[in-house]
């Protein structure tokens, strides 16, 4: 296998320039359209992607698997409980060995340090499929969905985040600083985003990135409303306490009324209906969550194509330049 001396890792949204973000999203939209046409596109023939997951997953796992298979490649799933990592093998050694077997590695884990360390010692691309601090692929597919449903450019929109200042919120903050759209986050005291991530993005962004505890203020005149579960993986024991604290932060018809009349609603799923989002909003005409979920697969294809430099394969008899 040909390994790059400078692998293209994707660990946080801030790893990409604004142009790179827009190019990846544009490519994902083209790949989606091409897939819908029923024509095969298989530049990843002979390539192997590894999925190293320490957290359960539906959408991230299946979207990456489907993406790689549609590109003509192969997938091997690696549960951390089945690897020597469980017995204390250093991440450095694991990264060096997996680099000899695989062409790309997607990690879904707890600490960002694990992803960073594996990327440091890998000479294959490492992609962050989720950590407690960041969810960078999710945000690109979210923005892809917004661009599908809105005629305005991202920089001309206001996005509202309502709920926990978690990993998804962090990646939205970084995306706002890169693309220059207004972002308003409403989070309860004690559940707000990382101060360093927020302040760094605010200093870089040409548009306001505002933090408030008032969901009505955040949603006011917004084009996009976004939320996530109130208790992310690892915080299940806090679920009852969080339900009480976060009750005013539910996305429902009353709160939706503060947004623009054509505002759309996002949720990265899984959803707890009746908690962070009401049933009528989730299944209502403003919800685009099912398109959002599908778009993960097409966005992952664009990321894999970019990370593994598959544009170099478009001259092969198995590839089709689209």
Protein backbone atom coordinates (compact mmCIF):
# COMPACT_ATOMS: atom_id res chain seq x y z
CA UNK A 1 0.00 0.00 0.00
CA UNK A 2 1.22 3.50 -0.80
CA UNK A 3 1.28 5.61 2.34
CA UNK A 4 1.50 9.37 2.32
CA UNK A 5 4.41 10.98 4.21
CA UNK A 6 1.95 13.77 5.11
CA UNK A 7 -1.40 12.12 5.82
CA UNK A 8 -4.51 14.26 5.76
CA UNK A 9 -5.99 13.95 9.23
CA UNK A 10 -9.37 15.43 10.17
CA UNK A 11 -9.54 15.78 13.96
CA UNK A 12 -11.44 19.06 14.50
CA UNK A 13 -13.27 21.50 12.25
CA UNK A 14 -10.42 23.97 12.82
CA UNK A 15 -8.09 21.60 10.96
CA UNK A 16 -9.70 22.83 7.74
CA UNK A 17 -9.69 26.22 6.07
CA UNK A 18 -12.97 27.82 5.07
CA UNK A 19 -12.26 26.92 1.45
CA UNK A 20 -11.58 23.28 2.34
CA UNK A 21 -14.85 23.07 4.26
CA UNK A 22 -16.83 24.44 1.33
CA UNK A 23 -15.02 22.21 -1.16
CA UNK A 24 -15.80 19.10 0.90
CA UNK A 25 -19.46 20.04 1.24
CA UNK A 26 -19.73 20.84 -2.46
CA UNK A 27 -18.12 17.50 -3.26
CA UNK A 28 -20.54 15.70 -0.92
CA UNK A 29 -23.50 17.29 -2.70
CA UNK A 30 -22.10 16.10 -6.05
CA UNK A 31 -21.47 12.60 -4.71
CA UNK A 32 -25.04 12.46 -3.39
CA UNK A 33 -26.48 13.51 -6.73
CA UNK A 34 -24.30 10.96 -8.53
CA UNK A 35 -25.34 8.20 -6.11
CA UNK A 36 -29.01 9.01 -6.71
CA UNK A 37 -28.41 8.59 -10.45
CA UNK A 38 -27.56 4.93 -9.80
CA UNK A 39 -24.12 5.08 -11.39
CA UNK A 40 -21.18 3.44 -9.60
CA UNK A 41 -18.13 5.43 -8.50
CA UNK A 42 -15.39 3.26 -7.00
CA UNK A 43 -12.06 5.05 -6.64
CA UNK A 44 -11.33 3.21 -3.37
CA UNK A 45 -10.93 -0.24 -4.94
CA UNK A 46 -8.26 -2.09 -2.94
CA UNK A 47 -8.38 0.37 -0.02
CA UNK A 48 -9.24 -0.64 3.57
CA UNK A 49 -10.79 1.63 6.19
CA UNK A 50 -10.60 0.70 9.86
CA UNK A 51 -13.30 1.77 12.32
CA UNK A 52 -11.93 1.86 15.87
CA UNK A 53 -14.91 2.49 18.15
CA UNK A 54 -15.03 2.74 21.94
CA UNK A 55 -18.58 4.15 21.93
CA UNK A 56 -21.78 2.65 20.49
CA UNK A 57 -22.97 4.10 17.22
CA UNK A 58 -25.71 3.82 14.63
CA UNK A 59 -25.34 6.70 12.18
CA UNK A 60 -21.58 7.27 12.38
CA UNK A 61 -20.72 3.60 12.00
CA UNK A 62 -23.21 2.74 9.26
CA UNK A 63 -22.65 5.97 7.33
CA UNK A 64 -18.88 5.42 7.24
CA UNK A 65 -19.27 1.75 6.34
CA UNK A 66 -21.77 2.52 3.57
CA UNK A 67 -19.64 5.40 2.33
CA UNK A 68 -16.51 3.27 2.01
CA UNK A 69 -18.36 0.39 0.38
CA UNK A 70 -20.01 2.74 -2.12
CA UNK A 71 -16.55 4.07 -2.96
CA UNK A 72 -15.52 0.50 -3.74
CA UNK A 73 -13.34 -0.02 -0.66
CA UNK A 74 -13.42 -2.43 2.26
CA UNK A 75 -14.11 -1.97 5.97
CA UNK A 76 -12.85 -3.67 9.10
CA UNK A 77 -14.54 -2.89 12.42
CA UNK A 78 -12.28 -2.74 15.48
CA UNK A 79 -13.81 -2.75 18.93
CA UNK A 80 -11.35 -1.43 21.51
CA UNK A 81 -12.36 -4.25 23.86
CA UNK A 82 -11.01 -6.80 21.37
CA UNK A 83 -7.65 -5.10 20.78
CA UNK A 84 -4.43 -5.16 22.78
CA UNK A 85 -5.21 -1.58 23.78
CA UNK A 86 -7.37 -3.11 26.49
CA UNK A 87 -4.27 -4.80 27.91
CA UNK A 88 -2.23 -1.61 27.87
CA UNK A 89 -0.53 -1.57 24.47
CA UNK A 90 0.55 2.04 23.83
CA UNK A 91 -1.43 4.11 21.35
CA UNK A 92 1.87 4.81 19.59
CA UNK A 93 2.42 1.12 18.88
CA UNK A 94 -1.18 0.58 17.81
CA UNK A 95 -0.97 3.50 15.39
CA UNK A 96 2.26 2.26 13.83
CA UNK A 97 0.90 -1.26 13.34
CA UNK A 98 -2.50 -0.22 11.97
CA UNK A 99 -0.71 2.06 9.51
CA UNK A 100 0.85 -1.05 7.98
CA UNK A 101 -2.55 -2.73 7.50
CA UNK A 102 -4.99 0.06 6.68
CA UNK A 103 -5.38 3.04 4.36
CA UNK A 104 -7.53 5.12 6.72
CA UNK A 105 -8.62 4.96 10.36
CA UNK A 106 -11.82 6.42 11.83
CA UNK A 107 -11.91 6.79 15.63
CA UNK A 108 -14.96 7.14 17.89
CA UNK A 109 -13.80 7.46 21.47
CA UNK A 110 -13.95 9.48 24.67
CA UNK A 111 -10.88 11.69 25.02
CA UNK A 112 -9.64 13.94 22.23
CA UNK A 113 -6.12 13.03 23.38
CA UNK A 114 -6.60 9.48 22.04
CA UNK A 115 -7.42 10.71 18.54
CA UNK A 116 -4.58 13.23 18.59
CA UNK A 117 -2.06 10.62 19.75
CA UNK A 118 -3.09 8.07 17.14
CA UNK A 119 -2.83 10.75 14.44
CA UNK A 120 0.60 11.77 15.69
CA UNK A 121 2.03 8.28 15.12
CA UNK A 122 0.02 7.24 12.04
CA UNK A 123 1.17 7.62 8.47
CA UNK A 124 -2.38 7.00 7.26
CA UNK A 125 -5.25 9.49 7.60
CA UNK A 126 -6.98 9.53 10.98
CA UNK A 127 -10.56 10.85 11.08
CA UNK A 128 -12.37 11.85 14.24
CA UNK A 129 -15.72 10.05 14.25
CA UNK A 130 -16.57 11.60 17.65
CA UNK A 131 -14.88 12.46 20.92
CA UNK A 132 -16.23 14.06 24.07
CA UNK A 133 -14.89 17.39 22.82
CA UNK A 134 -15.52 17.39 19.06
CA UNK A 135 -17.76 15.89 16.37
CA UNK A 136 -16.29 17.41 13.19
CA UNK A 137 -17.82 15.18 10.49
CA UNK A 138 -21.28 15.70 11.95
CA UNK A 139 -21.07 19.45 11.54
CA UNK A 140 -20.02 19.27 7.88
CA UNK A 141 -23.02 17.08 7.09
CA UNK A 142 -25.22 19.47 9.10
CA UNK A 143 -24.01 22.44 7.06
CA UNK A 144 -24.43 20.39 3.88
CA UNK A 145 -28.09 19.90 4.87
CA UNK A 146 -28.56 23.61 5.52
CA UNK A 147 -27.09 24.44 2.11
CA UNK A 148 -29.48 21.94 0.49
CA UNK A 149 -32.52 23.55 2.06
CA UNK A 150 -31.55 27.22 2.00
CA UNK A 151 -30.82 29.46 -0.96
CA UNK A 152 -28.83 31.90 1.17
CA UNK A 153 -25.11 31.52 1.73
CA UNK A 154 -24.01 30.29 5.15
CA UNK A 155 -22.35 33.59 6.00
CA UNK A 156 -25.72 35.34 5.61
CA UNK A 157 -27.54 33.09 8.08
CA UNK A 158 -28.06 32.93 11.80
CA UNK A 159 -27.79 29.51 13.44
CA UNK A 160 -29.15 28.86 16.94
CA UNK A 161 -27.90 26.10 19.21
CA UNK A 162 -30.18 25.26 22.14
CA UNK A 163 -29.18 22.84 24.90
CA UNK A 164 -25.95 21.32 26.17
CA UNK A 165 -22.65 22.99 25.29
CA UNK A 166 -21.25 19.63 24.22
CA UNK A 167 -18.98 18.24 21.50
CA UNK A 168 -21.44 19.04 18.72
CA UNK A 169 -21.76 22.61 19.99
CA UNK A 170 -17.96 22.90 20.01
CA UNK A 171 -17.74 21.85 16.37
CA UNK A 172 -20.51 24.29 15.43
CA UNK A 173 -18.56 27.05 17.17
CA UNK A 174 -15.45 26.23 15.16
CA UNK A 175 -17.47 26.05 11.94
CA UNK A 176 -18.94 29.49 12.62
CA UNK A 177 -15.46 30.94 13.08
CA UNK A 178 -14.32 29.42 9.79
CA UNK A 179 -17.37 30.25 7.63
CA UNK A 180 -18.39 33.52 9.23
CA UNK A 181 -22.06 32.91 10.02
CA UNK A 182 -23.79 34.22 13.12
CA UNK A 183 -24.16 31.64 15.88
CA UNK A 184 -26.19 32.03 19.06
CA UNK A 185 -25.87 29.37 21.75
CA UNK A 186 -28.36 29.02 24.61
CA UNK A 187 -27.02 26.76 27.37
CA UNK A 188 -27.81 26.58 31.10
CA UNK A 189 -25.23 27.78 33.59
CA UNK A 190 -22.77 24.99 34.27
CA UNK A 191 -23.43 23.33 30.91
CA UNK A 192 -21.86 25.88 28.62
CA UNK A 193 -19.21 25.26 25.95
CA UNK A 194 -15.50 25.11 26.68
CA UNK A 195 -14.34 28.66 27.33
CA UNK A 196 -11.11 28.29 25.36
CA UNK A 197 -12.85 26.90 22.28
CA UNK A 198 -15.47 29.66 22.45
CA UNK A 199 -13.07 32.56 23.01
CA UNK A 200 -10.71 31.38 20.27
CA UNK A 201 -13.56 31.15 17.78
CA UNK A 202 -14.97 34.54 18.79
CA UNK A 203 -11.57 36.14 18.24
CA UNK A 204 -11.29 34.61 14.77
CA UNK A 205 -14.84 34.99 13.49
CA UNK A 206 -16.05 37.91 11.44
CA UNK A 207 -19.62 37.33 12.65
CA UNK A 208 -21.01 37.25 16.19
CA UNK A 209 -20.78 34.03 18.21
CA UNK A 210 -23.02 34.74 21.17
CA UNK A 211 -23.56 32.73 24.36
CA UNK A 212 -26.69 33.18 26.47
CA UNK A 213 -28.78 31.26 28.97
CA UNK A 214 -32.01 32.38 27.27
CA UNK A 215 -33.23 30.03 24.49
CA UNK A 216 -35.73 32.62 23.20
CA UNK A 217 -32.94 35.14 22.72
CA UNK A 218 -30.81 32.61 20.84
CA UNK A 219 -33.62 31.47 18.54
CA UNK A 220 -34.89 34.99 17.78
CA UNK A 221 -34.84 35.62 14.00
CA UNK A 222 -32.75 32.51 13.33
CA UNK A 223 -32.59 30.60 10.03
CA UNK A 224 -31.51 27.30 11.59
CA UNK A 225 -32.27 25.79 15.00
CA UNK A 226 -30.13 22.96 16.26
CA UNK A 227 -30.17 20.75 19.33
CA UNK A 228 -28.88 17.47 20.75
CA UNK A 229 -29.66 15.15 23.63
CA UNK A 230 -29.38 16.68 27.08
CA UNK A 231 -27.27 13.83 28.48
CA UNK A 232 -24.58 12.71 26.02
CA UNK A 233 -22.80 9.37 26.26
CA UNK A 234 -20.95 9.22 29.55
CA UNK A 235 -23.47 11.45 31.35
CA UNK A 236 -26.34 8.98 31.61
CA UNK A 237 -26.25 9.05 35.44
CA UNK A 238 -27.03 12.78 35.28
CA UNK A 239 -30.08 12.28 33.05
CA UNK A 240 -32.75 12.98 35.69
CA UNK A 241 -30.98 16.09 36.97
CA UNK A 242 -30.41 17.34 33.45
CA UNK A 243 -34.06 16.85 32.47
CA UNK A 244 -35.04 19.25 35.23
CA UNK A 245 -32.38 21.85 34.41
CA UNK A 246 -32.85 21.69 30.64
CA UNK A 247 -36.67 21.67 30.59
CA UNK A 248 -36.90 25.32 29.37
CA UNK A 249 -34.56 24.45 26.48
CA UNK A 250 -36.90 22.14 24.59
CA UNK A 251 -37.32 22.83 20.87
CA UNK A 252 -41.10 23.03 20.55
CA UNK A 253 -43.65 24.97 18.51
CA UNK A 254 -43.64 27.89 20.96
CA UNK A 255 -39.87 28.32 20.75
CA UNK A 256 -39.91 27.74 16.99
CA UNK A 257 -42.27 30.69 16.73
CA UNK A 258 -39.40 33.01 17.69
CA UNK A 259 -37.41 32.01 14.59
CA UNK A 260 -37.95 33.06 11.00
CA UNK A 261 -41.04 31.57 9.38
CA UNK A 262 -38.88 29.47 7.06
CA UNK A 263 -36.41 28.33 9.73
CA UNK A 264 -35.35 24.68 9.64
CA UNK A 265 -34.67 22.36 12.58
CA UNK A 266 -31.68 20.06 12.94
CA UNK A 267 -30.97 17.24 15.38
CA UNK A 268 -27.99 14.91 14.98
CA UNK A 269 -29.93 12.01 16.57
CA UNK A 270 -30.72 9.87 18.46
CA UNK A 271 -33.57 12.05 19.72
CA UNK A 272 -35.38 11.81 23.02
CA UNK A 273 -38.82 12.88 21.88
CA UNK A 274 -40.55 15.00 24.46
CA UNK A 275 -37.25 16.06 26.05
CA UNK A 276 -34.88 18.21 23.97
CA UNK A 277 -37.33 18.26 21.05
CA UNK A 278 -41.08 17.79 20.86
CA UNK A 279 -42.64 15.09 18.71
CA UNK A 280 -44.55 17.57 16.58
CA UNK A 281 -41.41 19.56 15.73
CA UNK A 282 -39.27 16.50 15.04
CA UNK A 283 -41.88 15.12 12.64
CA UNK A 284 -43.08 18.51 11.44
CA UNK A 285 -42.57 20.37 8.16
CA UNK A 286 -39.61 22.40 9.44
CA UNK A 287 -37.62 19.33 10.47
CA UNK A 288 -34.85 18.20 8.10
CA UNK A 289 -33.34 15.62 10.45
CA UNK A 290 -33.84 12.64 8.12
CA UNK A 291 -32.06 14.40 5.25
CA UNK A 292 -29.44 15.39 7.81
CA UNK A 293 -28.95 11.74 8.81
CA UNK A 294 -28.65 10.57 5.20
CA UNK A 295 -26.20 13.32 4.37
CA UNK A 296 -23.71 11.91 6.86
CA UNK A 297 -23.07 9.06 4.41
CA UNK A 298 -22.45 11.36 1.45
CA UNK A 299 -20.29 13.72 3.50
CA UNK A 300 -18.23 10.79 4.81
CA UNK A 301 -17.58 9.82 1.17
CA UNK A 302 -16.21 13.28 0.48
CA UNK A 303 -14.03 13.20 3.60
CA UNK A 304 -12.69 9.72 2.78
CA UNK A 305 -12.01 10.73 -0.82
CA UNK A 306 -10.11 13.80 0.39
CA UNK A 307 -8.27 12.05 3.26
CA UNK A 308 -7.06 9.13 1.15
CA UNK A 309 -6.30 11.38 -1.83
CA UNK A 310 -8.59 9.32 -4.05
CA UNK A 311 -8.58 12.09 -6.63
CA UNK A 312 -5.30 10.48 -7.67
CA UNK A 313 -7.29 7.36 -8.63
CA UNK A 314 -9.73 8.98 -11.04
CA UNK A 315 -7.64 7.86 -14.00
CA UNK A 316 -8.04 4.20 -13.06
CA UNK A 317 -10.51 2.03 -15.06
CA UNK A 318 -12.63 1.61 -11.90
CA UNK A 319 -13.02 5.29 -11.22
CA UNK A 320 -15.25 7.89 -12.77
CA UNK A 321 -14.33 11.56 -12.62
CA UNK A 322 -17.43 13.30 -11.37
